[in-house]
Amino acid sequence: MSLYMEGTVDPIAVRGVRQINYLPSYFTVINLSKHLTTDFLWDSKPIKTWIWTHLSGRFYFESTSIYNADSRNIKNSELIVGFEDSSEAVMFMLILSSFSD
């Protein structure tokens, strides 16, 4: 993703620690499966692209699915997003409905 915005180098992105692979306890967490009222598996690329383009802090992003072998379908799917800066979580929540259109 982008290492700079508007001609300014993003030091967090350059070090490769902007999107982290663990969820610290102090992050503000949003469970998208509770906020997006759709029954399909979300395409996470537009969501991640929006975060990379419009926000600047560290974030966590994880998509999980539970497969039900008996009925041969996905029983539960969750998309979790966490933000280090709570103001970025608020900004994300304000545009969240645009992803379910």
N, C-alpha and C. Protein backbone atom coordinates (compact mmCIF):
# COMPACT_ATOMS: atom_id res chain seq x y z
N MET A 1 0.83 -1.18 0.00
CA MET A 1 0.00 0.00 0.00
C MET A 1 0.88 1.24 0.00
N SER A 2 0.28 2.38 0.15
CA SER A 2 0.98 3.65 0.04
C SER A 2 1.94 3.90 1.20
N LEU A 3 3.15 4.33 0.86
CA LEU A 3 4.13 4.68 1.88
C LEU A 3 4.16 6.18 2.13
N TYR A 4 3.44 6.93 1.33
CA TYR A 4 3.37 8.37 1.55
C TYR A 4 2.04 8.90 1.06
N MET A 5 1.64 10.02 1.64
CA MET A 5 0.42 10.70 1.24
C MET A 5 0.74 12.17 1.07
N GLU A 6 0.29 12.74 -0.01
CA GLU A 6 0.47 14.17 -0.29
C GLU A 6 1.93 14.59 -0.18
N GLY A 7 2.83 13.76 -0.70
CA GLY A 7 4.24 14.09 -0.73
C GLY A 7 4.99 13.92 0.58
N THR A 8 4.32 13.42 1.62
CA THR A 8 4.95 13.22 2.92
C THR A 8 5.12 11.72 3.16
N VAL A 9 6.34 11.32 3.51
CA VAL A 9 6.61 9.91 3.79
C VAL A 9 5.97 9.52 5.11
N ASP A 10 5.30 8.39 5.13
CA ASP A 10 4.67 7.87 6.34
C ASP A 10 5.67 6.95 7.05
N PRO A 11 6.26 7.40 8.17
CA PRO A 11 7.30 6.59 8.82
C PRO A 11 6.81 5.25 9.34
N ILE A 12 5.56 5.17 9.75
CA ILE A 12 5.00 3.90 10.24
C ILE A 12 4.90 2.90 9.10
N ALA A 13 4.43 3.36 7.95
CA ALA A 13 4.29 2.47 6.79
C ALA A 13 5.65 2.04 6.26
N VAL A 14 6.62 2.94 6.27
CA VAL A 14 7.96 2.59 5.78
C VAL A 14 8.57 1.47 6.61
N ARG A 15 8.36 1.51 7.91
CA ARG A 15 8.89 0.46 8.78
C ARG A 15 8.07 -0.83 8.68
N GLY A 16 6.95 -0.82 7.98
CA GLY A 16 6.14 -2.01 7.80
C GLY A 16 5.31 -2.40 9.01
N VAL A 17 4.97 -1.43 9.86
CA VAL A 17 4.22 -1.74 11.07
C VAL A 17 2.88 -1.00 11.14
N ARG A 18 2.40 -0.53 10.02
CA ARG A 18 1.12 0.17 10.04
C ARG A 18 -0.04 -0.80 10.23
N GLN A 19 -0.06 -1.87 9.45
CA GLN A 19 -1.06 -2.92 9.65
C GLN A 19 -0.36 -4.02 10.44
N ILE A 20 -0.84 -4.26 11.64
CA ILE A 20 -0.19 -5.24 12.50
C ILE A 20 -0.98 -6.54 12.51
N ASN A 21 -0.33 -7.64 12.87
CA ASN A 21 -0.98 -8.96 12.80
C ASN A 21 -1.42 -9.50 14.15
N TYR A 22 -1.51 -8.65 15.14
CA TYR A 22 -2.03 -9.03 16.45
C TYR A 22 -2.89 -7.87 16.95
N LEU A 23 -3.77 -8.13 17.88
CA LEU A 23 -4.70 -7.11 18.36
C LEU A 23 -4.34 -6.71 19.80
N PRO A 24 -3.68 -5.57 19.98
CA PRO A 24 -3.37 -5.11 21.33
C PRO A 24 -4.65 -4.79 22.11
N SER A 25 -4.60 -4.94 23.40
CA SER A 25 -5.80 -4.76 24.23
C SER A 25 -6.29 -3.31 24.26
N TYR A 26 -5.43 -2.35 23.96
CA TYR A 26 -5.83 -0.94 24.03
C TYR A 26 -6.39 -0.41 22.71
N PHE A 27 -6.41 -1.22 21.67
CA PHE A 27 -6.99 -0.79 20.40
C PHE A 27 -8.50 -0.67 20.52
N THR A 28 -9.08 0.26 19.78
CA THR A 28 -10.54 0.37 19.66
C THR A 28 -10.98 -0.62 18.60
N VAL A 29 -11.82 -1.58 18.98
CA VAL A 29 -12.19 -2.69 18.10
C VAL A 29 -13.60 -2.51 17.56
N ILE A 30 -13.75 -2.79 16.28
CA ILE A 30 -15.05 -2.76 15.63
C ILE A 30 -15.27 -4.13 14.99
N ASN A 31 -16.34 -4.80 15.38
CA ASN A 31 -16.71 -6.07 14.78
C ASN A 31 -17.67 -5.75 13.64
N LEU A 32 -17.18 -5.81 12.42
CA LEU A 32 -17.99 -5.41 11.27
C LEU A 32 -19.17 -6.33 11.02
N SER A 33 -19.10 -7.57 11.47
CA SER A 33 -20.22 -8.48 11.27
C SER A 33 -21.45 -8.03 12.05
N LYS A 34 -21.27 -7.21 13.05
CA LYS A 34 -22.39 -6.67 13.80
C LYS A 34 -22.92 -5.37 13.21
N HIS A 35 -22.14 -4.73 12.37
CA HIS A 35 -22.52 -3.43 11.81
C HIS A 35 -22.94 -3.50 10.35
N LEU A 36 -22.39 -4.45 9.59
CA LEU A 36 -22.80 -4.62 8.20
C LEU A 36 -23.87 -5.69 8.16
N THR A 37 -25.04 -5.34 7.70
CA THR A 37 -26.18 -6.26 7.75
C THR A 37 -26.35 -6.99 6.42
N THR A 38 -25.30 -7.65 5.98
CA THR A 38 -25.39 -8.43 4.75
C THR A 38 -25.05 -9.87 5.06
N ASP A 39 -25.55 -10.77 4.26
CA ASP A 39 -25.34 -12.20 4.48
C ASP A 39 -24.26 -12.80 3.57
N PHE A 40 -23.45 -11.97 2.95
CA PHE A 40 -22.41 -12.49 2.08
C PHE A 40 -21.04 -12.25 2.70
N LEU A 41 -20.05 -12.91 2.13
CA LEU A 41 -18.68 -12.69 2.60
C LEU A 41 -18.20 -11.36 2.02
N TRP A 42 -17.71 -10.51 2.86
CA TRP A 42 -17.31 -9.18 2.44
C TRP A 42 -16.02 -9.24 1.66
N ASP A 43 -15.93 -8.38 0.69
CA ASP A 43 -14.67 -8.18 -0.01
C ASP A 43 -13.90 -7.16 0.83
N SER A 44 -12.85 -7.60 1.47
CA SER A 44 -12.13 -6.75 2.40
C SER A 44 -11.21 -5.74 1.73
N LYS A 45 -10.94 -5.91 0.45
CA LYS A 45 -10.00 -5.01 -0.23
C LYS A 45 -10.45 -3.55 -0.21
N PRO A 46 -11.72 -3.22 -0.51
CA PRO A 46 -12.12 -1.81 -0.46
C PRO A 46 -12.01 -1.21 0.95
N ILE A 47 -12.27 -2.01 1.96
CA ILE A 47 -12.18 -1.52 3.34
C ILE A 47 -10.73 -1.23 3.70
N LYS A 48 -9.84 -2.17 3.38
CA LYS A 48 -8.42 -1.96 3.67
C LYS A 48 -7.86 -0.79 2.87
N THR A 49 -8.27 -0.66 1.63
CA THR A 49 -7.80 0.45 0.79
C THR A 49 -8.25 1.78 1.38
N TRP A 50 -9.48 1.84 1.87
CA TRP A 50 -9.97 3.09 2.47
C TRP A 50 -9.14 3.43 3.71
N ILE A 51 -8.87 2.45 4.55
CA ILE A 51 -8.08 2.69 5.75
C ILE A 51 -6.69 3.19 5.39
N TRP A 52 -6.03 2.53 4.44
CA TRP A 52 -4.68 2.93 4.04
C TRP A 52 -4.67 4.33 3.44
N THR A 53 -5.71 4.69 2.70
CA THR A 53 -5.75 5.96 2.00
C THR A 53 -6.16 7.13 2.89
N HIS A 54 -7.11 6.91 3.79
CA HIS A 54 -7.69 8.02 4.54
C HIS A 54 -7.22 8.15 5.99
N LEU A 55 -6.61 7.13 6.53
CA LEU A 55 -6.16 7.18 7.92
C LEU A 55 -4.64 7.04 7.96
N SER A 56 -4.04 7.34 9.10
CA SER A 56 -2.57 7.31 9.15
C SER A 56 -2.00 6.49 10.30
N GLY A 57 -2.83 6.05 11.22
CA GLY A 57 -2.34 5.32 12.38
C GLY A 57 -2.25 3.82 12.16
N ARG A 58 -1.77 3.12 13.19
CA ARG A 58 -1.67 1.66 13.12
C ARG A 58 -3.07 1.05 13.24
N PHE A 59 -3.26 -0.08 12.57
CA PHE A 59 -4.55 -0.76 12.63
C PHE A 59 -4.36 -2.26 12.52
N TYR A 60 -5.39 -2.98 12.94
CA TYR A 60 -5.45 -4.45 12.87
C TYR A 60 -6.65 -4.79 12.01
N PHE A 61 -6.50 -5.79 11.15
CA PHE A 61 -7.59 -6.19 10.27
C PHE A 61 -7.57 -7.71 10.15
N GLU A 62 -8.68 -8.35 10.46
CA GLU A 62 -8.72 -9.82 10.41
C GLU A 62 -10.10 -10.27 9.93
N SER A 63 -10.10 -11.21 9.03
CA SER A 63 -11.32 -11.82 8.55
C SER A 63 -11.29 -13.29 8.93
N THR A 64 -12.33 -13.75 9.61
CA THR A 64 -12.38 -15.14 10.02
C THR A 64 -13.69 -15.77 9.55
N SER A 65 -13.64 -17.05 9.24
CA SER A 65 -14.82 -17.80 8.84
C SER A 65 -14.82 -19.13 9.54
N ILE A 66 -15.99 -19.59 9.93
CA ILE A 66 -16.14 -20.91 10.55
C ILE A 66 -16.96 -21.77 9.59
N TYR A 67 -16.35 -22.85 9.15
CA TYR A 67 -16.99 -23.74 8.19
C TYR A 67 -17.74 -24.84 8.94
N ASN A 68 -19.00 -25.03 8.59
CA ASN A 68 -19.81 -26.09 9.17
C ASN A 68 -19.77 -27.29 8.24
N ALA A 69 -19.04 -28.33 8.63
CA ALA A 69 -18.85 -29.50 7.77
C ALA A 69 -20.14 -30.27 7.54
N ASP A 70 -21.06 -30.26 8.51
CA ASP A 70 -22.30 -31.00 8.36
C ASP A 70 -23.18 -30.43 7.24
N SER A 71 -23.35 -29.13 7.23
CA SER A 71 -24.20 -28.51 6.22
C SER A 71 -23.41 -28.00 5.01
N ARG A 72 -22.09 -28.13 5.06
CA ARG A 72 -21.20 -27.72 3.98
C ARG A 72 -21.36 -26.26 3.59
N ASN A 73 -21.46 -25.41 4.57
CA ASN A 73 -21.49 -23.98 4.30
C ASN A 73 -20.80 -23.23 5.44
N ILE A 74 -20.66 -21.97 5.25
CA ILE A 74 -20.01 -21.17 6.27
C ILE A 74 -21.03 -20.82 7.34
N LYS A 75 -20.72 -21.22 8.55
CA LYS A 75 -21.62 -21.03 9.68
C LYS A 75 -21.58 -19.59 10.19
N ASN A 76 -20.40 -19.03 10.27
CA ASN A 76 -20.24 -17.71 10.83
C ASN A 76 -19.03 -17.05 10.18
N SER A 77 -19.15 -15.79 9.90
CA SER A 77 -18.04 -15.06 9.33
C SER A 77 -17.94 -13.73 10.05
N GLU A 78 -16.73 -13.38 10.46
CA GLU A 78 -16.54 -12.11 11.17
C GLU A 78 -15.39 -11.34 10.56
N LEU A 79 -15.57 -10.06 10.54
CA LEU A 79 -14.53 -9.15 10.07
C LEU A 79 -14.26 -8.19 11.22
N ILE A 80 -13.02 -8.21 11.73
CA ILE A 80 -12.64 -7.41 12.88
C ILE A 80 -11.64 -6.35 12.45
N VAL A 81 -11.88 -5.11 12.85
CA VAL A 81 -10.96 -4.02 12.59
C VAL A 81 -10.65 -3.36 13.92
N GLY A 82 -9.38 -3.08 14.18
CA GLY A 82 -8.98 -2.40 15.40
C GLY A 82 -8.10 -1.22 15.06
N PHE A 83 -8.28 -0.12 15.78
CA PHE A 83 -7.51 1.10 15.53
C PHE A 83 -6.80 1.53 16.80
N GLU A 84 -5.54 1.92 16.66
CA GLU A 84 -4.78 2.43 17.80
C GLU A 84 -5.31 3.79 18.23
N ASP A 85 -5.67 4.62 17.29
CA ASP A 85 -6.20 5.96 17.56
C ASP A 85 -7.72 5.88 17.53
N SER A 86 -8.36 6.14 18.66
CA SER A 86 -9.82 6.01 18.73
C SER A 86 -10.54 7.00 17.80
N SER A 87 -9.92 8.14 17.50
CA SER A 87 -10.56 9.09 16.58
C SER A 87 -10.61 8.51 15.17
N GLU A 88 -9.65 7.67 14.81
CA GLU A 88 -9.71 7.01 13.51
C GLU A 88 -10.81 5.96 13.48
N ALA A 89 -11.07 5.33 14.61
CA ALA A 89 -12.19 4.38 14.69
C ALA A 89 -13.52 5.10 14.49
N VAL A 90 -13.64 6.29 15.06
CA VAL A 90 -14.86 7.08 14.89
C VAL A 90 -15.03 7.47 13.43
N MET A 91 -13.96 7.93 12.80
CA MET A 91 -14.01 8.30 11.39
C MET A 91 -14.43 7.10 10.54
N PHE A 92 -13.87 5.94 10.84
CA PHE A 92 -14.22 4.73 10.10
C PHE A 92 -15.69 4.37 10.30
N MET A 93 -16.19 4.49 11.51
CA MET A 93 -17.60 4.18 11.79
C MET A 93 -18.54 5.10 11.00
N LEU A 94 -18.11 6.35 10.77
CA LEU A 94 -18.95 7.29 10.04
C LEU A 94 -19.14 6.89 8.57
N ILE A 95 -18.16 6.21 7.98
CA ILE A 95 -18.28 5.81 6.57
C ILE A 95 -18.63 4.35 6.40
N LEU A 96 -18.78 3.64 7.50
CA LEU A 96 -18.99 2.19 7.46
C LEU A 96 -20.19 1.77 6.62
N SER A 97 -21.26 2.51 6.67
CA SER A 97 -22.47 2.12 5.92
C SER A 97 -22.24 2.15 4.41
N SER A 98 -21.27 2.90 3.93
CA SER A 98 -21.02 2.95 2.48
C SER A 98 -20.46 1.63 1.94
N PHE A 99 -19.94 0.77 2.81
CA PHE A 99 -19.40 -0.49 2.34
C PHE A 99 -20.47 -1.56 2.15
N SER A 100 -21.65 -1.38 2.71
CA SER A 100 -22.70 -2.39 2.57
C SER A 100 -23.68 -2.07 1.47
N ASP A 101 -23.43 -1.01 0.73
CA ASP A 101 -24.32 -0.64 -0.38
C ASP A 101 -24.12 -1.55 -1.55
